[in-house]
Amino acid sequence: MQLSKSAKITIYPPDRQGTGAFDSGKITEIKLIDFPGGTSAAKRIRPLFYWAWASAKGDGVIGLHPHQGFEIMSYVIAGEIGHSDTLGTESRVGVGSAQVMQTGSGVYHQEEMFGERT
């Protein structure tokens, strides 16, 4: 596939990407595509409306929070992630694995990250 001559590629350097932290800074994220109102310069690109890289130093939790009407995919590069939700779902996946959650009419969930040991 070739880009048309009118196609434009925008590269957002780190200072234009959003950042976030959870569990008193145990989990940090770089938000390449941020939710509306977030700090990243990139907002909703076609079907993607949020894309972040998260990492944890040791273990950390992103507490119970709601999602509705979209799909979340987490891919593990290092460590492990866990998921639990108000529907009773619980899972834990490791390196090279993916976790997919479809939120439909709404669900509350939390993630646990089991990161680097320092």
PDB file of N, CA and C in Angstrom:
ATOM      1  N   MET A   1       0.841  -1.177   0.000  1.00  0.00           N
ATOM      2  CA  MET A   1       0.000   0.000   0.000  1.00  0.00           C
ATOM      3  C   MET A   1       0.888   1.243   0.000  1.00  0.00           C
ATOM      4  N   GLN A   2       0.608   2.172  -0.868  1.00  0.00           N
ATOM      5  CA  GLN A   2       1.354   3.425  -0.917  1.00  0.00           C
ATOM      6  C   GLN A   2       0.496   4.551  -0.363  1.00  0.00           C
ATOM      7  N   LEU A   3       1.167   5.497   0.278  1.00  0.00           N
ATOM      8  CA  LEU A   3       0.473   6.689   0.745  1.00  0.00           C
ATOM      9  C   LEU A   3       0.251   7.613  -0.435  1.00  0.00           C
ATOM     10  N   SER A   4      -0.880   8.280  -0.461  1.00  0.00           N
ATOM     11  CA  SER A   4      -1.109   9.261  -1.516  1.00  0.00           C
ATOM     12  C   SER A   4      -0.181  10.451  -1.294  1.00  0.00           C
ATOM     13  N   LYS A   5       0.022  11.226  -2.334  1.00  0.00           N
ATOM     14  CA  LYS A   5       0.903  12.395  -2.225  1.00  0.00           C
ATOM     15  C   LYS A   5       0.361  13.409  -1.223  1.00  0.00           C
ATOM     16  N   SER A   6      -0.943  13.378  -0.985  1.00  0.00           N
ATOM     17  CA  SER A   6      -1.523  14.331  -0.037  1.00  0.00           C
ATOM     18  C   SER A   6      -1.522  13.803   1.400  1.00  0.00           C
ATOM     19  N   ALA A   7      -1.135  12.531   1.591  1.00  0.00           N
ATOM     20  CA  ALA A   7      -1.114  11.960   2.943  1.00  0.00           C
ATOM     21  C   ALA A   7      -0.038  12.643   3.780  1.00  0.00           C
ATOM     22  N   LYS A   8      -0.345  12.831   5.032  1.00  0.00           N
ATOM     23  CA  LYS A   8       0.585  13.494   5.939  1.00  0.00           C
ATOM     24  C   LYS A   8       0.851  12.595   7.137  1.00  0.00           C
ATOM     25  N   ILE A   9       2.097  12.396   7.462  1.00  0.00           N
ATOM     26  CA  ILE A   9       2.476  11.622   8.637  1.00  0.00           C
ATOM     27  C   ILE A   9       2.967  12.607   9.689  1.00  0.00           C
ATOM     28  N   THR A  10       2.398  12.513  10.884  1.00  0.00           N
ATOM     29  CA  THR A  10       2.808  13.375  11.980  1.00  0.00           C
ATOM     30  C   THR A  10       3.515  12.534  13.028  1.00  0.00           C
ATOM     31  N   ILE A  11       4.692  12.953  13.428  1.00  0.00           N
ATOM     32  CA  ILE A  11       5.439  12.279  14.481  1.00  0.00           C
ATOM     33  C   ILE A  11       5.372  13.149  15.724  1.00  0.00           C
ATOM     34  N   TYR A  12       4.890  12.555  16.822  1.00  0.00           N
ATOM     35  CA  TYR A  12       4.770  13.286  18.075  1.00  0.00           C
ATOM     36  C   TYR A  12       5.946  12.920  18.977  1.00  0.00           C
ATOM     37  N   PRO A  13       6.845  13.854  19.239  1.00  0.00           N
ATOM     38  CA  PRO A  13       7.986  13.565  20.121  1.00  0.00           C
ATOM     39  C   PRO A  13       7.507  13.378  21.561  1.00  0.00           C
ATOM     40  N   PRO A  14       8.353  12.814  22.426  1.00  0.00           N
ATOM     41  CA  PRO A  14       7.939  12.543  23.811  1.00  0.00           C
ATOM     42  C   PRO A  14       7.326  13.730  24.547  1.00  0.00           C
ATOM     43  N   ASP A  15       7.800  14.938  24.300  1.00  0.00           N
ATOM     44  CA  ASP A  15       7.251  16.086  25.029  1.00  0.00           C
ATOM     45  C   ASP A  15       5.836  16.458  24.586  1.00  0.00           C
ATOM     46  N   ARG A  16       5.324  15.851  23.504  1.00  0.00           N
ATOM     47  CA  ARG A  16       3.950  16.096  23.054  1.00  0.00           C
ATOM     48  C   ARG A  16       3.045  14.912  23.347  1.00  0.00           C
ATOM     49  N   GLN A  17       3.596  13.875  24.005  1.00  0.00           N
ATOM     50  CA  GLN A  17       2.814  12.707  24.394  1.00  0.00           C
ATOM     51  C   GLN A  17       2.380  12.882  25.846  1.00  0.00           C
ATOM     52  N   GLY A  18       1.244  12.335  26.178  1.00  0.00           N
ATOM     53  CA  GLY A  18       0.747  12.440  27.541  1.00  0.00           C
ATOM     54  C   GLY A  18       1.420  11.442  28.465  1.00  0.00           C
ATOM     55  N   THR A  19       1.324  11.694  29.747  1.00  0.00           N
ATOM     56  CA  THR A  19       1.851  10.771  30.746  1.00  0.00           C
ATOM     57  C   THR A  19       0.816  10.593  31.850  1.00  0.00           C
ATOM     58  N   GLY A  20       0.953   9.527  32.596  1.00  0.00           N
ATOM     59  CA  GLY A  20       0.056   9.279  33.711  1.00  0.00           C
ATOM     60  C   GLY A  20       0.717   8.350  34.710  1.00  0.00           C
ATOM     61  N   ALA A  21       0.140   8.259  35.882  1.00  0.00           N
ATOM     62  CA  ALA A  21       0.671   7.379  36.926  1.00  0.00           C
ATOM     63  C   ALA A  21      -0.480   6.865  37.786  1.00  0.00           C
ATOM     64  N   PHE A  22      -0.308   5.657  38.281  1.00  0.00           N
ATOM     65  CA  PHE A  22      -1.305   5.009  39.132  1.00  0.00           C
ATOM     66  C   PHE A  22      -0.614   4.394  40.336  1.00  0.00           C
ATOM     67  N   ASP A  23      -1.382   4.112  41.365  1.00  0.00           N
ATOM     68  CA  ASP A  23      -0.904   3.433  42.562  1.00  0.00           C
ATOM     69  C   ASP A  23       0.346   4.117  43.117  1.00  0.00           C
ATOM     70  N   SER A  24       0.211   5.411  43.371  1.00  0.00           N
ATOM     71  CA  SER A  24       1.304   6.227  43.932  1.00  0.00           C
ATOM     72  C   SER A  24       2.580   6.155  43.093  1.00  0.00           C
ATOM     73  N   GLY A  25       2.416   6.083  41.779  1.00  0.00           N
ATOM     74  CA  GLY A  25       3.573   6.089  40.874  1.00  0.00           C
ATOM     75  C   GLY A  25       4.188   4.727  40.607  1.00  0.00           C
ATOM     76  N   LYS A  26       3.624   3.653  41.172  1.00  0.00           N
ATOM     77  CA  LYS A  26       4.166   2.315  40.901  1.00  0.00           C
ATOM     78  C   LYS A  26       3.973   1.927  39.430  1.00  0.00           C
ATOM     79  N   ILE A  27       2.885   2.411  38.829  1.00  0.00           N
ATOM     80  CA  ILE A  27       2.601   2.167  37.418  1.00  0.00           C
ATOM     81  C   ILE A  27       2.650   3.506  36.701  1.00  0.00           C
ATOM     82  N   THR A  28       3.427   3.580  35.636  1.00  0.00           N
ATOM     83  CA  THR A  28       3.487   4.802  34.834  1.00  0.00           C
ATOM     84  C   THR A  28       3.095   4.472  33.402  1.00  0.00           C
ATOM     85  N   GLU A  29       2.616   5.477  32.703  1.00  0.00           N
ATOM     86  CA  GLU A  29       2.225   5.269  31.310  1.00  0.00           C
ATOM     87  C   GLU A  29       2.622   6.457  30.453  1.00  0.00           C
ATOM     88  N   ILE A  30       2.868   6.154  29.203  1.00  0.00           N
ATOM     89  CA  ILE A  30       3.072   7.161  28.170  1.00  0.00           C
ATOM     90  C   ILE A  30       1.893   7.012  27.224  1.00  0.00           C
ATOM     91  N   LYS A  31       1.142   8.092  27.042  1.00  0.00           N
ATOM     92  CA  LYS A  31      -0.091   8.043  26.255  1.00  0.00           C
ATOM     93  C   LYS A  31       0.158   8.636  24.869  1.00  0.00           C
ATOM     94  N   LEU A  32       0.371   7.757  23.907  1.00  0.00           N
ATOM     95  CA  LEU A  32       0.598   8.208  22.540  1.00  0.00           C
ATOM     96  C   LEU A  32      -0.656   8.829  21.945  1.00  0.00           C
ATOM     97  N   ILE A  33      -1.799   8.196  22.173  1.00  0.00           N
ATOM     98  CA  ILE A  33      -3.103   8.741  21.776  1.00  0.00           C
ATOM     99  C   ILE A  33      -3.908   8.837  23.058  1.00  0.00           C
ATOM    100  N   ASP A  34      -4.346  10.023  23.401  1.00  0.00           N
ATOM    101  CA  ASP A  34      -4.952  10.272  24.704  1.00  0.00           C
ATOM    102  C   ASP A  34      -6.463  10.448  24.607  1.00  0.00           C
ATOM    103  N   PHE A  35      -7.143  10.189  25.723  1.00  0.00           N
ATOM    104  CA  PHE A  35      -8.571  10.468  25.817  1.00  0.00           C
ATOM    105  C   PHE A  35      -8.809  11.967  25.605  1.00  0.00           C
ATOM    106  N   PRO A  36     -10.014  12.366  25.169  1.00  0.00           N
ATOM    107  CA  PRO A  36     -10.312  13.785  25.065  1.00  0.00           C
ATOM    108  C   PRO A  36     -10.045  14.477  26.403  1.00  0.00           C
ATOM    109  N   GLY A  37      -9.451  15.643  26.356  1.00  0.00           N
ATOM    110  CA  GLY A  37      -9.123  16.378  27.562  1.00  0.00           C
ATOM    111  C   GLY A  37      -7.783  15.996  28.165  1.00  0.00           C
ATOM    112  N   GLY A  38      -7.118  14.984  27.601  1.00  0.00           N
ATOM    113  CA  GLY A  38      -5.819  14.555  28.095  1.00  0.00           C
ATOM    114  C   GLY A  38      -4.703  15.464  27.607  1.00  0.00           C
ATOM    115  N   THR A  39      -3.478  15.153  27.983  1.00  0.00           N
ATOM    116  CA  THR A  39      -2.347  16.035  27.699  1.00  0.00           C
ATOM    117  C   THR A  39      -1.579  15.707  26.423  1.00  0.00           C
ATOM    118  N   SER A  40      -1.853  14.562  25.791  1.00  0.00           N
ATOM    119  CA  SER A  40      -1.148  14.218  24.551  1.00  0.00           C
ATOM    120  C   SER A  40      -1.655  15.071  23.396  1.00  0.00           C
ATOM    121  N   ALA A  41      -0.761  15.404  22.469  1.00  0.00           N
ATOM    122  CA  ALA A  41      -1.146  16.180  21.292  1.00  0.00           C
ATOM    123  C   ALA A  41      -2.038  15.362  20.365  1.00  0.00           C
ATOM    124  N   ALA A  42      -1.887  14.030  20.378  1.00  0.00           N
ATOM    125  CA  ALA A  42      -2.681  13.163  19.496  1.00  0.00           C
ATOM    126  C   ALA A  42      -3.980  12.770  20.189  1.00  0.00           C
ATOM    127  N   LYS A  43      -5.084  12.998  19.499  1.00  0.00           N
ATOM    128  CA  LYS A  43      -6.403  12.613  19.997  1.00  0.00           C
ATOM    129  C   LYS A  43      -7.094  11.784  18.914  1.00  0.00           C
ATOM    130  N   ARG A  44      -7.793  10.784  19.310  1.00  0.00           N
ATOM    131  CA  ARG A  44      -8.571   9.895  18.432  1.00  0.00           C
ATOM    132  C   ARG A  44      -8.089   9.875  16.979  1.00  0.00           C
ATOM    133  N   ILE A  45      -7.468   8.777  16.610  1.00  0.00           N
ATOM    134  CA  ILE A  45      -7.000   8.580  15.239  1.00  0.00           C
ATOM    135  C   ILE A  45      -7.760   7.402  14.663  1.00  0.00           C
ATOM    136  N   ARG A  46      -8.683   7.694  13.770  1.00  0.00           N
ATOM    137  CA  ARG A  46      -9.576   6.690  13.180  1.00  0.00           C
ATOM    138  C   ARG A  46     -10.254   5.908  14.296  1.00  0.00           C
ATOM    139  N   PRO A  47     -10.197   4.548  14.321  1.00  0.00           N
ATOM    140  CA  PRO A  47     -10.928   3.868  15.392  1.00  0.00           C
ATOM    141  C   PRO A  47     -10.202   3.892  16.745  1.00  0.00           C
ATOM    142  N   LEU A  48      -8.920   4.263  16.756  1.00  0.00           N
ATOM    143  CA  LEU A  48      -8.180   4.294  18.015  1.00  0.00           C
ATOM    144  C   LEU A  48      -8.465   5.590  18.763  1.00  0.00           C
ATOM    145  N   PHE A  49      -8.882   5.489  20.020  1.00  0.00           N
ATOM    146  CA  PHE A  49      -9.062   6.721  20.774  1.00  0.00           C
ATOM    147  C   PHE A  49      -8.223   6.743  22.043  1.00  0.00           C
ATOM    148  N   TYR A  50      -7.432   5.713  22.261  1.00  0.00           N
ATOM    149  CA  TYR A  50      -6.508   5.716  23.389  1.00  0.00           C
ATOM    150  C   TYR A  50      -5.465   4.647  23.119  1.00  0.00           C
ATOM    151  N   TRP A  51      -4.209   4.994  23.308  1.00  0.00           N
ATOM    152  CA  TRP A  51      -3.131   4.034  23.121  1.00  0.00           C
ATOM    153  C   TRP A  51      -2.019   4.441  24.067  1.00  0.00           C
ATOM    154  N   ALA A  52      -1.661   3.545  24.964  1.00  0.00           N
ATOM    155  CA  ALA A  52      -0.658   3.881  25.971  1.00  0.00           C
ATOM    156  C   ALA A  52       0.295   2.711  26.199  1.00  0.00           C
ATOM    157  N   TRP A  53       1.501   3.057  26.613  1.00  0.00           N
ATOM    158  CA  TRP A  53       2.496   2.084  27.063  1.00  0.00           C
ATOM    159  C   TRP A  53       2.575   2.229  28.569  1.00  0.00           C
ATOM    160  N   ALA A  54       2.331   1.149  29.289  1.00  0.00           N
ATOM    161  CA  ALA A  54       2.406   1.200  30.749  1.00  0.00           C
ATOM    162  C   ALA A  54       3.533   0.293  31.226  1.00  0.00           C
ATOM    163  N   SER A  55       4.141   0.686  32.324  1.00  0.00           N
ATOM    164  CA  SER A  55       5.171  -0.157  32.939  1.00  0.00           C
ATOM    165  C   SER A  55       5.062  -0.037  34.451  1.00  0.00           C
ATOM    166  N   ALA A  56       5.579  -1.061  35.128  1.00  0.00           N
ATOM    167  CA  ALA A  56       5.505  -1.077  36.592  1.00  0.00           C
ATOM    168  C   ALA A  56       6.859  -1.452  37.164  1.00  0.00           C
ATOM    169  N   LYS A  57       7.214  -0.771  38.205  1.00  0.00           N
ATOM    170  CA  LYS A  57       8.389  -1.137  38.995  1.00  0.00           C
ATOM    171  C   LYS A  57       7.854  -1.919  40.185  1.00  0.00           C
ATOM    172  N   GLY A  58       8.009  -3.229  40.143  1.00  0.00           N
ATOM    173  CA  GLY A  58       7.391  -4.059  41.164  1.00  0.00           C
ATOM    174  C   GLY A  58       5.922  -4.255  40.840  1.00  0.00           C
ATOM    175  N   ASP A  59       5.100  -4.469  41.847  1.00  0.00           N
ATOM    176  CA  ASP A  59       3.676  -4.712  41.643  1.00  0.00           C
ATOM    177  C   ASP A  59       2.881  -3.432  41.843  1.00  0.00           C
ATOM    178  N   GLY A  60       1.819  -3.272  41.057  1.00  0.00           N
ATOM    179  CA  GLY A  60       0.960  -2.107  41.194  1.00  0.00           C
ATOM    180  C   GLY A  60      -0.447  -2.420  40.725  1.00  0.00           C
ATOM    181  N   VAL A  61      -1.396  -1.606  41.153  1.00  0.00           N
ATOM    182  CA  VAL A  61      -2.804  -1.809  40.824  1.00  0.00           C
ATOM    183  C   VAL A  61      -3.394  -0.526  40.260  1.00  0.00           C
ATOM    184  N   ILE A  62      -4.148  -0.669  39.193  1.00  0.00           N
ATOM    185  CA  ILE A  62      -5.004   0.412  38.698  1.00  0.00           C
ATOM    186  C   ILE A  62      -6.389   0.030  39.204  1.00  0.00           C
ATOM    187  N   GLY A  63      -6.868   0.748  40.200  1.00  0.00           N
ATOM    188  CA  GLY A  63      -8.088   0.376  40.916  1.00  0.00           C
ATOM    189  C   GLY A  63      -9.333   0.315  40.048  1.00  0.00           C
ATOM    190  N   LEU A  64     -10.386  -0.195  40.622  1.00  0.00           N
ATOM    191  CA  LEU A  64     -11.665  -0.385  39.954  1.00  0.00           C
ATOM    192  C   LEU A  64     -12.123   0.917  39.289  1.00  0.00           C
ATOM    193  N   HIS A  65     -12.428   0.831  37.981  1.00  0.00           N
ATOM    194  CA  HIS A  65     -12.890   1.995  37.214  1.00  0.00           C
ATOM    195  C   HIS A  65     -13.797   1.518  36.080  1.00  0.00           C
ATOM    196  N   PRO A  66     -14.681   2.398  35.580  1.00  0.00           N
ATOM    197  CA  PRO A  66     -15.655   1.976  34.563  1.00  0.00           C
ATOM    198  C   PRO A  66     -15.146   2.138  33.127  1.00  0.00           C
ATOM    199  N   HIS A  67     -15.682   1.299  32.253  1.00  0.00           N
ATOM    200  CA  HIS A  67     -15.522   1.437  30.804  1.00  0.00           C
ATOM    201  C   HIS A  67     -16.837   1.024  30.168  1.00  0.00           C
ATOM    202  N   GLN A  68     -17.149   1.639  29.023  1.00  0.00           N
ATOM    203  CA  GLN A  68     -18.380   1.304  28.322  1.00  0.00           C
ATOM    204  C   GLN A  68     -18.199   1.509  26.827  1.00  0.00           C
ATOM    205  N   GLY A  69     -18.652   0.553  26.030  1.00  0.00           N
ATOM    206  CA  GLY A  69     -18.760   0.710  24.591  1.00  0.00           C
ATOM    207  C   GLY A  69     -17.473   0.659  23.792  1.00  0.00           C
ATOM    208  N   PHE A  70     -16.436   0.007  24.290  1.00  0.00           N
ATOM    209  CA  PHE A  70     -15.237  -0.162  23.471  1.00  0.00           C
ATOM    210  C   PHE A  70     -14.485  -1.413  23.868  1.00  0.00           C
ATOM    211  N   GLU A  71     -13.455  -1.722  23.128  1.00  0.00           N
ATOM    212  CA  GLU A  71     -12.652  -2.918  23.351  1.00  0.00           C
ATOM    213  C   GLU A  71     -11.261  -2.516  23.808  1.00  0.00           C
ATOM    214  N   ILE A  72     -10.737  -3.238  24.784  1.00  0.00           N
ATOM    215  CA  ILE A  72      -9.415  -2.960  25.337  1.00  0.00           C
ATOM    216  C   ILE A  72      -8.537  -4.173  25.096  1.00  0.00           C
ATOM    217  N   MET A  73      -7.358  -3.942  24.540  1.00  0.00           N
ATOM    218  CA  MET A  73      -6.405  -5.019  24.363  1.00  0.00           C
ATOM    219  C   MET A  73      -5.119  -4.654  25.086  1.00  0.00           C
ATOM    220  N   SER A  74      -4.628  -5.560  25.910  1.00  0.00           N
ATOM    221  CA  SER A  74      -3.355  -5.380  26.602  1.00  0.00           C
ATOM    222  C   SER A  74      -2.412  -6.474  26.117  1.00  0.00           C
ATOM    223  N   TYR A  75      -1.206  -6.097  25.734  1.00  0.00           N
ATOM    224  CA  TYR A  75      -0.189  -7.046  25.277  1.00  0.00           C
ATOM    225  C   TYR A  75       0.997  -6.945  26.227  1.00  0.00           C
ATOM    226  N   VAL A  76       1.485  -8.074  26.709  1.00  0.00           N
ATOM    227  CA  VAL A  76       2.531  -8.087  27.718  1.00  0.00           C
ATOM    228  C   VAL A  76       3.906  -8.278  27.079  1.00  0.00           C
ATOM    229  N   ILE A  77       4.780  -7.301  27.301  1.00  0.00           N
ATOM    230  CA  ILE A  77       6.160  -7.364  26.803  1.00  0.00           C
ATOM    231  C   ILE A  77       7.083  -7.909  27.885  1.00  0.00           C
ATOM    232  N   ALA A  78       6.829  -7.544  29.139  1.00  0.00           N
ATOM    233  CA  ALA A  78       7.627  -8.022  30.275  1.00  0.00           C
ATOM    234  C   ALA A  78       6.718  -8.111  31.489  1.00  0.00           C
ATOM    235  N   GLY A  79       6.992  -9.038  32.392  1.00  0.00           N
ATOM    236  CA  GLY A  79       6.184  -9.188  33.598  1.00  0.00           C
ATOM    237  C   GLY A  79       4.868  -9.886  33.327  1.00  0.00           C
ATOM    238  N   GLU A  80       3.860  -9.536  34.088  1.00  0.00           N
ATOM    239  CA  GLU A  80       2.521 -10.109  33.947  1.00  0.00           C
ATOM    240  C   GLU A  80       1.482  -9.038  34.252  1.00  0.00           C
ATOM    241  N   ILE A  81       0.267  -9.223  33.704  1.00  0.00           N
ATOM    242  CA  ILE A  81      -0.852  -8.362  34.067  1.00  0.00           C
ATOM    243  C   ILE A  81      -2.026  -9.232  34.498  1.00  0.00           C
ATOM    244  N   GLY A  82      -2.787  -8.699  35.425  1.00  0.00           N
ATOM    245  CA  GLY A  82      -3.995  -9.371  35.874  1.00  0.00           C
ATOM    246  C   GLY A  82      -5.191  -8.473  35.645  1.00  0.00           C
ATOM    247  N   HIS A  83      -6.349  -9.072  35.552  1.00  0.00           N
ATOM    248  CA  HIS A  83      -7.589  -8.332  35.311  1.00  0.00           C
ATOM    249  C   HIS A  83      -8.685  -8.973  36.156  1.00  0.00           C
ATOM    250  N   SER A  84      -9.521  -8.140  36.736  1.00  0.00           N
ATOM    251  CA  SER A  84     -10.741  -8.631  37.379  1.00  0.00           C
ATOM    252  C   SER A  84     -11.823  -7.583  37.165  1.00  0.00           C
ATOM    253  N   ASP A  85     -13.074  -8.039  37.107  1.00  0.00           N
ATOM    254  CA  ASP A  85     -14.156  -7.084  36.863  1.00  0.00           C
ATOM    255  C   ASP A  85     -15.413  -7.451  37.640  1.00  0.00           C
ATOM    256  N   THR A  86     -16.403  -6.563  37.542  1.00  0.00           N
ATOM    257  CA  THR A  86     -17.638  -6.731  38.292  1.00  0.00           C
ATOM    258  C   THR A  86     -18.544  -7.817  37.713  1.00  0.00           C
ATOM    259  N   LEU A  87     -18.155  -8.426  36.596  1.00  0.00           N
ATOM    260  CA  LEU A  87     -18.892  -9.559  36.042  1.00  0.00           C
ATOM    261  C   LEU A  87     -18.346 -10.882  36.578  1.00  0.00           C
ATOM    262  N   GLY A  88     -17.287 -10.803  37.393  1.00  0.00           N
ATOM    263  CA  GLY A  88     -16.691 -12.005  37.962  1.00  0.00           C
ATOM    264  C   GLY A  88     -15.530 -12.576  37.158  1.00  0.00           C
ATOM    265  N   THR A  89     -15.122 -11.884  36.110  1.00  0.00           N
ATOM    266  CA  THR A  89     -14.010 -12.350  35.290  1.00  0.00           C
ATOM    267  C   THR A  89     -12.689 -12.077  35.994  1.00  0.00           C
ATOM    268  N   GLU A  90     -11.803 -13.053  35.982  1.00  0.00           N
ATOM    269  CA  GLU A  90     -10.447 -12.880  36.507  1.00  0.00           C
ATOM    270  C   GLU A  90      -9.488 -13.576  35.568  1.00  0.00           C
ATOM    271  N   SER A  91      -8.379 -12.920  35.249  1.00  0.00           N
ATOM    272  CA  SER A  91      -7.363 -13.537  34.404  1.00  0.00           C
ATOM    273  C   SER A  91      -6.001 -12.949  34.741  1.00  0.00           C
ATOM    274  N   ARG A  92      -4.980 -13.688  34.328  1.00  0.00           N
ATOM    275  CA  ARG A  92      -3.598 -13.227  34.497  1.00  0.00           C
ATOM    276  C   ARG A  92      -2.808 -13.783  33.324  1.00  0.00           C
ATOM    277  N   VAL A  93      -2.099 -12.890  32.608  1.00  0.00           N
ATOM    278  CA  VAL A  93      -1.333 -13.315  31.438  1.00  0.00           C
ATOM    279  C   VAL A  93       0.098 -12.805  31.536  1.00  0.00           C
ATOM    280  N   GLY A  94       1.008 -13.506  30.839  1.00  0.00           N
ATOM    281  CA  GLY A  94       2.419 -13.165  30.896  1.00  0.00           C
ATOM    282  C   GLY A  94       2.995 -12.776  29.553  1.00  0.00           C
ATOM    283  N   VAL A  95       4.308 -12.730  29.488  1.00  0.00           N
ATOM    284  CA  VAL A  95       5.059 -12.274  28.322  1.00  0.00           C
ATOM    285  C   VAL A  95       4.584 -12.960  27.039  1.00  0.00           C
ATOM    286  N   GLY A  96       4.339 -12.140  26.010  1.00  0.00           N
ATOM    287  CA  GLY A  96       3.915 -12.641  24.711  1.00  0.00           C
ATOM    288  C   GLY A  96       2.433 -12.935  24.611  1.00  0.00           C
ATOM    289  N   SER A  97       1.695 -12.681  25.672  1.00  0.00           N
ATOM    290  CA  SER A  97       0.251 -12.949  25.685  1.00  0.00           C
ATOM    291  C   SER A  97      -0.536 -11.645  25.606  1.00  0.00           C
ATOM    292  N   ALA A  98      -1.773 -11.772  25.176  1.00  0.00           N
ATOM    293  CA  ALA A  98      -2.664 -10.622  25.092  1.00  0.00           C
ATOM    294  C   ALA A  98      -3.914 -10.896  25.907  1.00  0.00           C
ATOM    295  N   GLN A  99      -4.502  -9.836  26.393  1.00  0.00           N
ATOM    296  CA  GLN A  99      -5.758  -9.900  27.128  1.00  0.00           C
ATOM    297  C   GLN A  99      -6.716  -8.941  26.432  1.00  0.00           C
ATOM    298  N   VAL A 100      -7.915  -9.393  26.098  1.00  0.00           N
ATOM    299  CA  VAL A 100      -8.891  -8.555  25.400  1.00  0.00           C
ATOM    300  C   VAL A 100     -10.155  -8.475  26.253  1.00  0.00           C
ATOM    301  N   MET A 101     -10.676  -7.267  26.369  1.00  0.00           N
ATOM    302  CA  MET A 101     -11.895  -7.044  27.131  1.00  0.00           C
ATOM    303  C   MET A 101     -12.861  -6.227  26.273  1.00  0.00           C
ATOM    304  N   GLN A 102     -14.079  -6.715  26.108  1.00  0.00           N
ATOM    305  CA  GLN A 102     -15.118  -5.974  25.408  1.00  0.00           C
ATOM    306  C   GLN A 102     -16.074  -5.434  26.459  1.00  0.00           C
ATOM    307  N   THR A 103     -16.242  -4.112  26.485  1.00  0.00           N
ATOM    308  CA  THR A 103     -16.983  -3.504  27.589  1.00  0.00           C
ATOM    309  C   THR A 103     -18.476  -3.376  27.359  1.00  0.00           C
ATOM    310  N   GLY A 104     -18.942  -3.506  26.128  1.00  0.00           N
ATOM    311  CA  GLY A 104     -20.380  -3.504  25.844  1.00  0.00           C
ATOM    312  C   GLY A 104     -21.129  -2.397  26.548  1.00  0.00           C
ATOM    313  N   SER A 105     -22.196  -2.763  27.286  1.00  0.00           N
ATOM    314  CA  SER A 105     -23.039  -1.763  27.949  1.00  0.00           C
ATOM    315  C   SER A 105     -22.418  -1.221  29.228  1.00  0.00           C
ATOM    316  N   GLY A 106     -21.256  -1.745  29.605  1.00  0.00           N
ATOM    317  CA  GLY A 106     -20.535  -1.174  30.732  1.00  0.00           C
ATOM    318  C   GLY A 106     -20.094  -2.205  31.746  1.00  0.00           C
ATOM    319  N   VAL A 107     -18.924  -1.962  32.325  1.00  0.00           N
ATOM    320  CA  VAL A 107     -18.364  -2.832  33.343  1.00  0.00           C
ATOM    321  C   VAL A 107     -17.338  -2.031  34.144  1.00  0.00           C
ATOM    322  N   TYR A 108     -17.171  -2.376  35.391  1.00  0.00           N
ATOM    323  CA  TYR A 108     -16.081  -1.832  36.195  1.00  0.00           C
ATOM    324  C   TYR A 108     -15.002  -2.907  36.246  1.00  0.00           C
ATOM    325  N   HIS A 109     -13.740  -2.502  36.107  1.00  0.00           N
ATOM    326  CA  HIS A 109     -12.663  -3.477  36.173  1.00  0.00           C
ATOM    327  C   HIS A 109     -11.430  -2.854  36.806  1.00  0.00           C
ATOM    328  N   GLN A 110     -10.485  -3.714  37.154  1.00  0.00           N
ATOM    329  CA  GLN A 110      -9.197  -3.239  37.650  1.00  0.00           C
ATOM    330  C   GLN A 110      -8.105  -4.088  37.025  1.00  0.00           C
ATOM    331  N   GLU A 111      -6.935  -3.480  36.898  1.00  0.00           N
ATOM    332  CA  GLU A 111      -5.771  -4.187  36.386  1.00  0.00           C
ATOM    333  C   GLU A 111      -4.701  -4.227  37.455  1.00  0.00           C
ATOM    334  N   GLU A 112      -3.955  -5.311  37.467  1.00  0.00           N
ATOM    335  CA  GLU A 112      -2.790  -5.432  38.323  1.00  0.00           C
ATOM    336  C   GLU A 112      -1.590  -5.643  37.402  1.00  0.00           C
ATOM    337  N   MET A 113      -0.507  -5.004  37.712  1.00  0.00           N
ATOM    338  CA  MET A 113       0.721  -5.203  36.955  1.00  0.00           C
ATOM    339  C   MET A 113       1.767  -5.784  37.885  1.00  0.00           C
ATOM    340  N   PHE A 114       2.405  -6.799  37.384  1.00  0.00           N
ATOM    341  CA  PHE A 114       3.473  -7.457  38.113  1.00  0.00           C
ATOM    342  C   PHE A 114       4.726  -7.190  37.294  1.00  0.00           C
ATOM    343  N   GLY A 115       5.450  -6.139  37.663  1.00  0.00           N
ATOM    344  CA  GLY A 115       6.532  -5.627  36.837  1.00  0.00           C
ATOM    345  C   GLY A 115       7.905  -6.060  37.289  1.00  0.00           C
ATOM    346  N   GLU A 116       8.890  -5.251  36.881  1.00  0.00           N
ATOM    347  CA  GLU A 116      10.283  -5.529  37.187  1.00  0.00           C
ATOM    348  C   GLU A 116      10.510  -5.569  38.687  1.00  0.00           C
ATOM    349  N   ARG A 117      11.401  -6.388  39.102  1.00  0.00           N
ATOM    350  CA  ARG A 117      11.791  -6.437  40.513  1.00  0.00           C
ATOM    351  C   ARG A 117      13.106  -5.690  40.640  1.00  0.00           C
ATOM    352  N   THR A 118      13.102  -4.609  41.436  1.00  0.00           N
ATOM    353  CA  THR A 118      14.331  -3.827  41.604  1.00  0.00           C
ATOM    354  C   THR A 118      14.747  -3.795  43.044  1.00  0.00           C
TER     355      THR A 118
END
